[in-house]
Amino acid sequence: MLLVLLPAGAKTCLRSEAVSALARVGVTSVALVRDERSIGVVVEGWAFDPVGSAEAVVAAVSGRSRRARTLQPVMEMTLTQGGGS
């Protein structure tokens, strides 16, 4: 998983060329999130390498904007409530 953060006023468009570029690096899922200050593009895929492909993802979603930042998860976990014994 990789999150690309852009300022809210930044131009981003997922045209067919961008989607094809993302698919070439193994992205199978794209989610867009936004608040008043930022736009976030979350990409992931079972064959996606976020470290090796971060630059290609930024280029696809923002045209190599110098204002784009990338964030990668450090850890992912699931919490469940266990039954008492």
Protein backbone atom coordinates (compact mmCIF):
# COMPACT_ATOMS: atom_id res chain seq x y z
CA MET A 1 0.00 0.00 0.00
CA LEU A 2 1.16 3.53 -0.76
CA LEU A 3 -0.51 6.88 -0.08
CA VAL A 4 0.32 9.86 -2.30
CA LEU A 5 -0.58 13.16 -0.62
CA LEU A 6 -1.16 16.29 -2.69
CA PRO A 7 -2.28 19.78 -1.65
CA ALA A 8 -6.03 20.28 -2.13
CA GLY A 9 -5.46 22.72 -5.01
CA ALA A 10 -3.21 20.32 -6.95
CA LYS A 11 -4.30 18.96 -10.30
CA THR A 12 -4.76 15.21 -10.43
CA CYS A 13 -6.61 13.12 -12.97
CA LEU A 14 -6.67 9.39 -13.43
CA ARG A 15 -6.87 9.20 -17.21
CA SER A 16 -6.48 5.90 -19.03
CA GLU A 17 -2.72 6.48 -19.41
CA ALA A 18 -2.36 6.90 -15.64
CA VAL A 19 -4.41 3.81 -14.93
CA SER A 20 -2.29 1.81 -17.39
CA ALA A 21 0.92 3.08 -15.74
CA LEU A 22 -0.40 2.05 -12.32
CA ALA A 23 -1.35 -1.40 -13.62
CA ARG A 24 2.16 -1.88 -15.05
CA VAL A 25 3.66 -1.53 -11.53
CA GLY A 26 1.15 -3.96 -10.00
CA VAL A 27 -1.56 -1.62 -8.69
CA THR A 28 -4.97 -3.31 -8.63
CA SER A 29 -6.87 -0.95 -6.32
CA VAL A 30 -7.07 2.86 -6.17
CA ALA A 31 -8.96 4.92 -3.59
CA LEU A 32 -9.27 8.70 -3.46
CA VAL A 33 -9.65 10.56 -0.17
CA ARG A 34 -9.84 14.27 0.49
CA ASP A 35 -10.24 16.91 3.15
CA GLU A 36 -10.03 20.70 2.97
CA ARG A 37 -6.19 20.69 2.86
CA SER A 38 -5.17 17.50 1.04
CA ILE A 39 -6.00 14.98 -1.64
CA GLY A 40 -4.88 11.42 -1.02
CA VAL A 41 -4.50 8.67 -3.59
CA VAL A 42 -4.22 5.25 -1.95
CA VAL A 43 -2.88 2.50 -4.20
CA GLU A 44 -2.32 -1.16 -3.47
CA GLY A 45 -2.04 -4.52 -5.16
CA TRP A 46 -0.85 -8.03 -4.40
CA ALA A 47 2.13 -7.67 -6.80
CA PHE A 48 2.75 -3.98 -6.03
CA ASP A 49 6.12 -2.94 -4.53
CA PRO A 50 5.53 0.46 -2.87
CA VAL A 51 9.23 1.14 -2.29
CA GLY A 52 10.39 0.32 -5.81
CA SER A 53 7.40 1.88 -7.58
CA ALA A 54 6.74 5.06 -5.57
CA GLU A 55 8.24 7.35 -8.21
CA ALA A 56 6.17 5.76 -11.00
CA VAL A 57 2.98 6.10 -8.93
CA VAL A 58 3.66 9.78 -8.17
CA ALA A 59 4.31 10.43 -11.88
CA ALA A 60 1.06 8.68 -12.84
CA VAL A 61 -1.20 10.51 -10.39
CA SER A 62 0.45 13.92 -10.19
CA GLY A 63 2.74 14.37 -13.17
CA ARG A 64 5.83 14.37 -10.90
CA SER A 65 4.54 17.25 -8.81
CA ARG A 66 7.20 18.48 -6.44
CA ARG A 67 4.45 19.03 -3.91
CA ALA A 68 3.50 15.34 -3.74
CA ARG A 69 4.49 13.30 -0.68
CA THR A 70 4.33 9.56 -0.26
CA LEU A 71 3.54 7.62 2.89
CA GLN A 72 3.91 3.88 3.40
CA PRO A 73 2.44 1.88 6.26
CA VAL A 74 4.91 0.78 8.91
CA MET A 75 2.68 -1.95 10.28
CA GLU A 76 -0.75 -3.35 9.58
CA MET A 77 -2.73 -5.25 12.18
CA THR A 78 -6.22 -6.42 12.96
CA LEU A 79 -7.72 -6.33 16.43
CA THR A 80 -10.43 -8.72 17.48
CA GLN A 81 -12.24 -9.19 20.73
CA GLY A 82 -11.30 -12.56 22.16
CA GLY A 83 -13.71 -14.76 24.00
CA GLY A 84 -13.13 -15.29 27.69
CA SER A 85 -12.27 -18.74 28.99
